[in-house]
Amino acid sequence: VTMGKLSLSILSSSVVARDLSIADDPAFGSAPFLTAKSLHISVELRPLIFSHRIIVRGLKIDEPQIRLVHADQGVWNFSTIGNNAASHAVDSTKETAIPDLTVNKLNIQGGRATVDSQPSHGAALTFDQIALTVQGFSFTKQFPFTLSANLPGKGTVTLTGQAGPIDPHNAAATVFDARLTMHHFDPVAAGALDRSAGM
């Protein structure tokens, strides 16, 4: 993870990081997994100072660009998130592979994501104006979420439900239960169906 300029406010107990970049799994290339214009983090100071617990009141990512890649073996480029932490766990009774992190509210605005395959089988599927809201995010517990995005051809998609806990061995295998709503979906414009198919 690399960040640009950092701004700290003690009064609001918040940090703003500009030009956020998160590297991808090296097996999927050198392009970043995520870049963002800015990252806003607000934390509760008392638990951090007195008990060394990180309780994030809010985490907001502005205009992220996300690259999702699916390999032929069924593995995603985000599947290995947390694996390094698992390898460093010495005593399972004292140290957990998953960080003790709680985020009261996680918010993504104005995002853009491309979904591609490796090797590539045509044009990548693109989602614009991604908006994500998560309440009470935790790696070890279930949490509610709402995700919406625009599709090519003036289509929209919304996903609302519950997800978690995050699978510590394969993040892509995390269980979720959600309702999917799509409007004006054009599979040719979205790149899910080749125009030459005649459908």
C-alpha atoms as a PDB file:
ATOM      1  CA  VAL A   1       0.000   0.000   0.000  1.00  0.00           C
ATOM      2  CA  THR A   2       1.356   3.417  -0.931  1.00  0.00           C
ATOM      3  CA  MET A   3      -0.080   6.818  -0.083  1.00  0.00           C
ATOM      4  CA  GLY A   4       0.631  10.381  -1.068  1.00  0.00           C
ATOM      5  CA  LYS A   5       0.118  13.421   1.141  1.00  0.00           C
ATOM      6  CA  LEU A   6      -1.283  12.715   4.625  1.00  0.00           C
ATOM      7  CA  SER A   7      -3.363  15.167   6.632  1.00  0.00           C
ATOM      8  CA  LEU A   8      -4.100  14.600  10.327  1.00  0.00           C
ATOM      9  CA  SER A   9      -6.758  16.287  12.452  1.00  0.00           C
ATOM     10  CA  ILE A  10      -6.524  15.631  16.205  1.00  0.00           C
ATOM     11  CA  LEU A  11      -9.790  17.432  16.952  1.00  0.00           C
ATOM     12  CA  SER A  12     -11.807  15.202  14.626  1.00  0.00           C
ATOM     13  CA  SER A  13      -9.452  12.203  15.139  1.00  0.00           C
ATOM     14  CA  SER A  14      -9.293  11.662  11.399  1.00  0.00           C
ATOM     15  CA  VAL A  15      -6.682  11.118   8.704  1.00  0.00           C
ATOM     16  CA  VAL A  16      -6.927  11.922   4.992  1.00  0.00           C
ATOM     17  CA  ALA A  17      -4.554  10.152   2.595  1.00  0.00           C
ATOM     18  CA  ARG A  18      -4.230  11.326  -1.010  1.00  0.00           C
ATOM     19  CA  ASP A  19      -3.348   9.172  -4.016  1.00  0.00           C
ATOM     20  CA  LEU A  20      -3.938   5.758  -2.470  1.00  0.00           C
ATOM     21  CA  SER A  21      -2.562   2.715  -4.327  1.00  0.00           C
ATOM     22  CA  ILE A  22      -2.823  -0.973  -3.382  1.00  0.00           C
ATOM     23  CA  ALA A  23      -0.603  -3.420  -5.258  1.00  0.00           C
ATOM     24  CA  ASP A  24      -2.028  -6.539  -6.866  1.00  0.00           C
ATOM     25  CA  ASP A  25      -1.090 -10.181  -6.341  1.00  0.00           C
ATOM     26  CA  PRO A  26       2.152 -10.514  -8.416  1.00  0.00           C
ATOM     27  CA  ALA A  27       0.674 -13.551 -10.182  1.00  0.00           C
ATOM     28  CA  PHE A  28      -1.811 -11.209 -11.875  1.00  0.00           C
ATOM     29  CA  GLY A  29       0.633  -8.620 -13.174  1.00  0.00           C
ATOM     30  CA  SER A  30       2.166  -5.348 -12.057  1.00  0.00           C
ATOM     31  CA  ALA A  31      -0.899  -3.080 -12.455  1.00  0.00           C
ATOM     32  CA  PRO A  32      -2.383  -1.887  -9.129  1.00  0.00           C
ATOM     33  CA  PHE A  33      -5.363  -3.724  -7.669  1.00  0.00           C
ATOM     34  CA  LEU A  34      -6.847  -0.415  -6.480  1.00  0.00           C
ATOM     35  CA  THR A  35      -6.063   3.267  -6.831  1.00  0.00           C
ATOM     36  CA  ALA A  36      -8.096   6.075  -5.310  1.00  0.00           C
ATOM     37  CA  LYS A  37      -8.147   9.858  -5.212  1.00  0.00           C
ATOM     38  CA  SER A  38      -8.327   9.920  -1.420  1.00  0.00           C
ATOM     39  CA  LEU A  39      -8.949   7.844   1.679  1.00  0.00           C
ATOM     40  CA  HIS A  40     -10.682   9.297   4.775  1.00  0.00           C
ATOM     41  CA  ILE A  41     -10.290   7.459   8.097  1.00  0.00           C
ATOM     42  CA  SER A  42     -11.820   8.479  11.434  1.00  0.00           C
ATOM     43  CA  VAL A  43     -11.009   6.423  14.546  1.00  0.00           C
ATOM     44  CA  GLU A  44     -12.031   6.336  18.206  1.00  0.00           C
ATOM     45  CA  LEU A  45      -9.058   7.609  20.207  1.00  0.00           C
ATOM     46  CA  ARG A  46      -9.802   6.174  23.684  1.00  0.00           C
ATOM     47  CA  PRO A  47      -9.725   2.459  22.683  1.00  0.00           C
ATOM     48  CA  LEU A  48      -6.617   3.123  20.577  1.00  0.00           C
ATOM     49  CA  ILE A  49      -4.718   4.861  23.402  1.00  0.00           C
ATOM     50  CA  PHE A  50      -5.788   2.790  26.408  1.00  0.00           C
ATOM     51  CA  SER A  51      -6.358  -0.731  25.025  1.00  0.00           C
ATOM     52  CA  HIS A  52      -4.595  -0.626  21.633  1.00  0.00           C
ATOM     53  CA  ARG A  53      -7.812  -1.564  19.839  1.00  0.00           C
ATOM     54  CA  ILE A  54      -8.541  -0.048  16.436  1.00  0.00           C
ATOM     55  CA  ILE A  55     -12.183   0.983  16.138  1.00  0.00           C
ATOM     56  CA  VAL A  56     -12.732   2.872  12.931  1.00  0.00           C
ATOM     57  CA  ARG A  57     -15.799   5.091  13.055  1.00  0.00           C
ATOM     58  CA  GLY A  58     -15.733   5.732   9.355  1.00  0.00           C
ATOM     59  CA  LEU A  59     -13.737   4.793   6.289  1.00  0.00           C
ATOM     60  CA  LYS A  60     -14.467   6.526   2.993  1.00  0.00           C
ATOM     61  CA  ILE A  61     -12.754   5.934  -0.360  1.00  0.00           C
ATOM     62  CA  ASP A  62     -13.264   8.531  -3.085  1.00  0.00           C
ATOM     63  CA  GLU A  63     -13.265   7.590  -6.782  1.00  0.00           C
ATOM     64  CA  PRO A  64     -11.475   4.236  -6.545  1.00  0.00           C
ATOM     65  CA  GLN A  65     -10.349   2.430  -9.700  1.00  0.00           C
ATOM     66  CA  ILE A  66     -10.556  -1.315  -9.041  1.00  0.00           C
ATOM     67  CA  ARG A  67      -9.096  -4.072 -11.226  1.00  0.00           C
ATOM     68  CA  LEU A  68     -10.688  -7.520 -10.771  1.00  0.00           C
ATOM     69  CA  VAL A  69      -9.121 -10.469 -12.600  1.00  0.00           C
ATOM     70  CA  HIS A  70     -10.335 -14.077 -12.680  1.00  0.00           C
ATOM     71  CA  ALA A  71      -7.853 -16.837 -13.596  1.00  0.00           C
ATOM     72  CA  ASP A  72      -8.718 -20.081 -15.370  1.00  0.00           C
ATOM     73  CA  GLN A  73      -8.035 -22.018 -12.151  1.00  0.00           C
ATOM     74  CA  GLY A  74     -10.998 -20.254 -10.520  1.00  0.00           C
ATOM     75  CA  VAL A  75      -8.808 -17.900  -8.457  1.00  0.00           C
ATOM     76  CA  TRP A  76      -9.393 -14.129  -8.285  1.00  0.00           C
ATOM     77  CA  ASN A  77      -6.652 -11.556  -7.826  1.00  0.00           C
ATOM     78  CA  PHE A  78      -8.130 -10.677  -4.403  1.00  0.00           C
ATOM     79  CA  SER A  79      -8.350 -14.323  -3.246  1.00  0.00           C
ATOM     80  CA  THR A  80      -5.019 -14.129  -1.408  1.00  0.00           C
ATOM     81  CA  ILE A  81      -5.871 -11.053   0.689  1.00  0.00           C
ATOM     82  CA  GLY A  82      -4.934 -11.896   4.293  1.00  0.00           C
ATOM     83  CA  ASN A  83      -2.779 -14.925   3.435  1.00  0.00           C
ATOM     84  CA  ASN A  84       0.435 -13.181   4.513  1.00  0.00           C
ATOM     85  CA  ALA A  85      -1.148 -12.367   7.860  1.00  0.00           C
ATOM     86  CA  ALA A  86      -2.101 -16.023   8.293  1.00  0.00           C
ATOM     87  CA  SER A  87       1.501 -17.152   7.680  1.00  0.00           C
ATOM     88  CA  HIS A  88       2.786 -14.835  10.428  1.00  0.00           C
ATOM     89  CA  ALA A  89       0.435 -16.161  13.148  1.00  0.00           C
ATOM     90  CA  VAL A  90       2.678 -17.808  15.770  1.00  0.00           C
ATOM     91  CA  ASP A  91       0.267 -18.866  18.506  1.00  0.00           C
ATOM     92  CA  SER A  92      -3.355 -19.300  17.454  1.00  0.00           C
ATOM     93  CA  THR A  93      -4.492 -18.840  21.077  1.00  0.00           C
ATOM     94  CA  LYS A  94      -2.875 -15.407  21.315  1.00  0.00           C
ATOM     95  CA  GLU A  95      -2.618 -14.122  17.752  1.00  0.00           C
ATOM     96  CA  THR A  96      -5.242 -14.418  15.038  1.00  0.00           C
ATOM     97  CA  ALA A  97      -4.616 -14.491  11.308  1.00  0.00           C
ATOM     98  CA  ILE A  98      -7.391 -11.954  10.795  1.00  0.00           C
ATOM     99  CA  PRO A  99      -6.832  -8.463  12.223  1.00  0.00           C
ATOM    100  CA  ASP A 100      -9.039  -7.267  15.094  1.00  0.00           C
ATOM    101  CA  LEU A 101     -10.449  -4.427  13.033  1.00  0.00           C
ATOM    102  CA  THR A 102     -13.926  -2.948  13.238  1.00  0.00           C
ATOM    103  CA  VAL A 103     -15.271  -0.257  10.904  1.00  0.00           C
ATOM    104  CA  ASN A 104     -18.574   1.254  11.981  1.00  0.00           C
ATOM    105  CA  LYS A 105     -19.249   2.558   8.469  1.00  0.00           C
ATOM    106  CA  LEU A 106     -17.409   1.831   5.222  1.00  0.00           C
ATOM    107  CA  ASN A 107     -18.282   3.976   2.226  1.00  0.00           C
ATOM    108  CA  ILE A 108     -17.105   3.974  -1.403  1.00  0.00           C
ATOM    109  CA  GLN A 109     -18.259   6.691  -3.800  1.00  0.00           C
ATOM    110  CA  GLY A 110     -17.754   7.300  -7.521  1.00  0.00           C
ATOM    111  CA  GLY A 111     -15.878   4.065  -8.094  1.00  0.00           C
ATOM    112  CA  ARG A 112     -15.062   2.271 -11.317  1.00  0.00           C
ATOM    113  CA  ALA A 113     -14.253  -1.433 -11.672  1.00  0.00           C
ATOM    114  CA  THR A 114     -13.129  -3.590 -14.563  1.00  0.00           C
ATOM    115  CA  VAL A 115     -13.665  -7.353 -14.495  1.00  0.00           C
ATOM    116  CA  ASP A 116     -11.356  -9.344 -16.739  1.00  0.00           C
ATOM    117  CA  SER A 117     -10.049 -12.888 -17.109  1.00  0.00           C
ATOM    118  CA  GLN A 118      -6.535 -14.307 -17.324  1.00  0.00           C
ATOM    119  CA  PRO A 119      -5.861 -15.069 -20.096  1.00  0.00           C
ATOM    120  CA  SER A 120      -8.253 -12.494 -21.491  1.00  0.00           C
ATOM    121  CA  HIS A 121     -11.283 -13.733 -23.470  1.00  0.00           C
ATOM    122  CA  GLY A 122     -12.402 -10.414 -24.938  1.00  0.00           C
ATOM    123  CA  ALA A 123     -13.304  -6.969 -23.637  1.00  0.00           C
ATOM    124  CA  ALA A 124     -13.423  -6.483 -19.861  1.00  0.00           C
ATOM    125  CA  LEU A 125     -16.772  -5.865 -18.154  1.00  0.00           C
ATOM    126  CA  THR A 126     -16.889  -2.314 -16.756  1.00  0.00           C
ATOM    127  CA  PHE A 127     -18.910  -0.968 -13.830  1.00  0.00           C
ATOM    128  CA  ASP A 128     -19.139   2.812 -13.290  1.00  0.00           C
ATOM    129  CA  GLN A 129     -20.371   5.027 -10.446  1.00  0.00           C
ATOM    130  CA  ILE A 130     -19.899   2.274  -7.906  1.00  0.00           C
ATOM    131  CA  ALA A 131     -21.357   3.083  -4.491  1.00  0.00           C
ATOM    132  CA  LEU A 132     -20.839   0.767  -1.528  1.00  0.00           C
ATOM    133  CA  THR A 133     -22.110   1.170   2.026  1.00  0.00           C
ATOM    134  CA  VAL A 134     -21.214  -1.310   4.771  1.00  0.00           C
ATOM    135  CA  GLN A 135     -22.380  -1.042   8.379  1.00  0.00           C
ATOM    136  CA  GLY A 136     -20.349  -2.633  11.175  1.00  0.00           C
ATOM    137  CA  PHE A 137     -17.656  -4.176   8.967  1.00  0.00           C
ATOM    138  CA  SER A 138     -15.546  -6.888  10.612  1.00  0.00           C
ATOM    139  CA  PHE A 139     -13.323  -9.651   9.224  1.00  0.00           C
ATOM    140  CA  THR A 140     -14.753 -12.117  11.751  1.00  0.00           C
ATOM    141  CA  LYS A 141     -18.484 -11.293  11.756  1.00  0.00           C
ATOM    142  CA  GLN A 142     -21.377 -10.938   9.331  1.00  0.00           C
ATOM    143  CA  PHE A 143     -22.196  -7.403   8.175  1.00  0.00           C
ATOM    144  CA  PRO A 144     -24.924  -5.751   6.045  1.00  0.00           C
ATOM    145  CA  PHE A 145     -24.031  -4.059   2.777  1.00  0.00           C
ATOM    146  CA  THR A 146     -25.540  -2.221  -0.194  1.00  0.00           C
ATOM    147  CA  LEU A 147     -23.714  -2.081  -3.517  1.00  0.00           C
ATOM    148  CA  SER A 148     -24.856  -0.269  -6.660  1.00  0.00           C
ATOM    149  CA  ALA A 149     -23.259   0.468 -10.041  1.00  0.00           C
ATOM    150  CA  ASN A 150     -23.976   1.549 -13.616  1.00  0.00           C
ATOM    151  CA  LEU A 151     -23.495  -0.759 -16.590  1.00  0.00           C
ATOM    152  CA  PRO A 152     -22.808   0.089 -20.242  1.00  0.00           C
ATOM    153  CA  GLY A 153     -26.016   0.660 -22.193  1.00  0.00           C
ATOM    154  CA  LYS A 154     -27.666   2.629 -19.364  1.00  0.00           C
ATOM    155  CA  GLY A 155     -28.081  -0.448 -17.193  1.00  0.00           C
ATOM    156  CA  THR A 156     -27.997  -0.453 -13.389  1.00  0.00           C
ATOM    157  CA  VAL A 157     -27.305  -3.148 -10.825  1.00  0.00           C
ATOM    158  CA  THR A 158     -27.969  -3.168  -7.069  1.00  0.00           C
ATOM    159  CA  LEU A 159     -26.939  -5.810  -4.541  1.00  0.00           C
ATOM    160  CA  THR A 160     -28.303  -5.681  -0.970  1.00  0.00           C
ATOM    161  CA  GLY A 161     -27.751  -8.217   1.777  1.00  0.00           C
ATOM    162  CA  GLN A 162     -25.399  -9.704   4.352  1.00  0.00           C
ATOM    163  CA  ALA A 163     -21.805 -10.904   3.911  1.00  0.00           C
ATOM    164  CA  GLY A 164     -19.108 -12.413   6.070  1.00  0.00           C
ATOM    165  CA  PRO A 165     -17.220 -13.463   7.984  1.00  0.00           C
ATOM    166  CA  ILE A 166     -14.327 -13.037   5.538  1.00  0.00           C
ATOM    167  CA  ASP A 167     -12.825 -16.394   4.565  1.00  0.00           C
ATOM    168  CA  PRO A 168      -9.196 -16.255   5.894  1.00  0.00           C
ATOM    169  CA  HIS A 169      -7.878 -18.679   3.243  1.00  0.00           C
ATOM    170  CA  ASN A 170      -9.697 -17.378   0.151  1.00  0.00           C
ATOM    171  CA  ALA A 171     -11.431 -14.006   0.317  1.00  0.00           C
ATOM    172  CA  ALA A 172     -13.354 -14.840  -2.879  1.00  0.00           C
ATOM    173  CA  ALA A 173     -14.993 -17.761  -1.030  1.00  0.00           C
ATOM    174  CA  THR A 174     -16.606 -15.476   1.570  1.00  0.00           C
ATOM    175  CA  VAL A 175     -20.272 -16.394   2.048  1.00  0.00           C
ATOM    176  CA  PHE A 176     -22.948 -13.800   1.336  1.00  0.00           C
ATOM    177  CA  ASP A 177     -26.744 -13.714   1.075  1.00  0.00           C
ATOM    178  CA  ALA A 178     -28.098 -10.895  -1.064  1.00  0.00           C
ATOM    179  CA  ARG A 179     -30.825  -9.720  -3.397  1.00  0.00           C
ATOM    180  CA  LEU A 180     -29.752  -8.729  -6.916  1.00  0.00           C
ATOM    181  CA  THR A 181     -31.744  -6.153  -8.902  1.00  0.00           C
ATOM    182  CA  MET A 182     -30.897  -5.242 -12.499  1.00  0.00           C
ATOM    183  CA  HIS A 183     -32.571  -2.739 -14.833  1.00  0.00           C
ATOM    184  CA  HIS A 184     -32.050  -2.254 -18.588  1.00  0.00           C
ATOM    185  CA  PHE A 185     -29.268  -4.832 -18.779  1.00  0.00           C
ATOM    186  CA  ASP A 186     -27.816  -5.028 -22.306  1.00  0.00           C
ATOM    187  CA  PRO A 187     -25.447  -8.066 -22.385  1.00  0.00           C
ATOM    188  CA  VAL A 188     -23.900  -6.998 -25.719  1.00  0.00           C
ATOM    189  CA  ALA A 189     -23.176  -3.431 -24.584  1.00  0.00           C
ATOM    190  CA  ALA A 190     -21.868  -4.728 -21.257  1.00  0.00           C
ATOM    191  CA  GLY A 191     -19.476  -7.114 -23.011  1.00  0.00           C
ATOM    192  CA  ALA A 192     -21.040 -10.250 -21.521  1.00  0.00           C
ATOM    193  CA  LEU A 193     -22.208 -11.431 -24.963  1.00  0.00           C
ATOM    194  CA  ASP A 194     -20.423 -11.019 -28.286  1.00  0.00           C
ATOM    195  CA  ARG A 195     -22.356  -9.043 -30.911  1.00  0.00           C
ATOM    196  CA  SER A 196     -21.477 -11.655 -33.540  1.00  0.00           C
ATOM    197  CA  ALA A 197     -23.639 -14.188 -31.674  1.00  0.00           C
ATOM    198  CA  GLY A 198     -26.680 -12.600 -33.348  1.00  0.00           C
ATOM    199  CA  MET A 199     -28.719 -12.322 -30.132  1.00  0.00           C
END
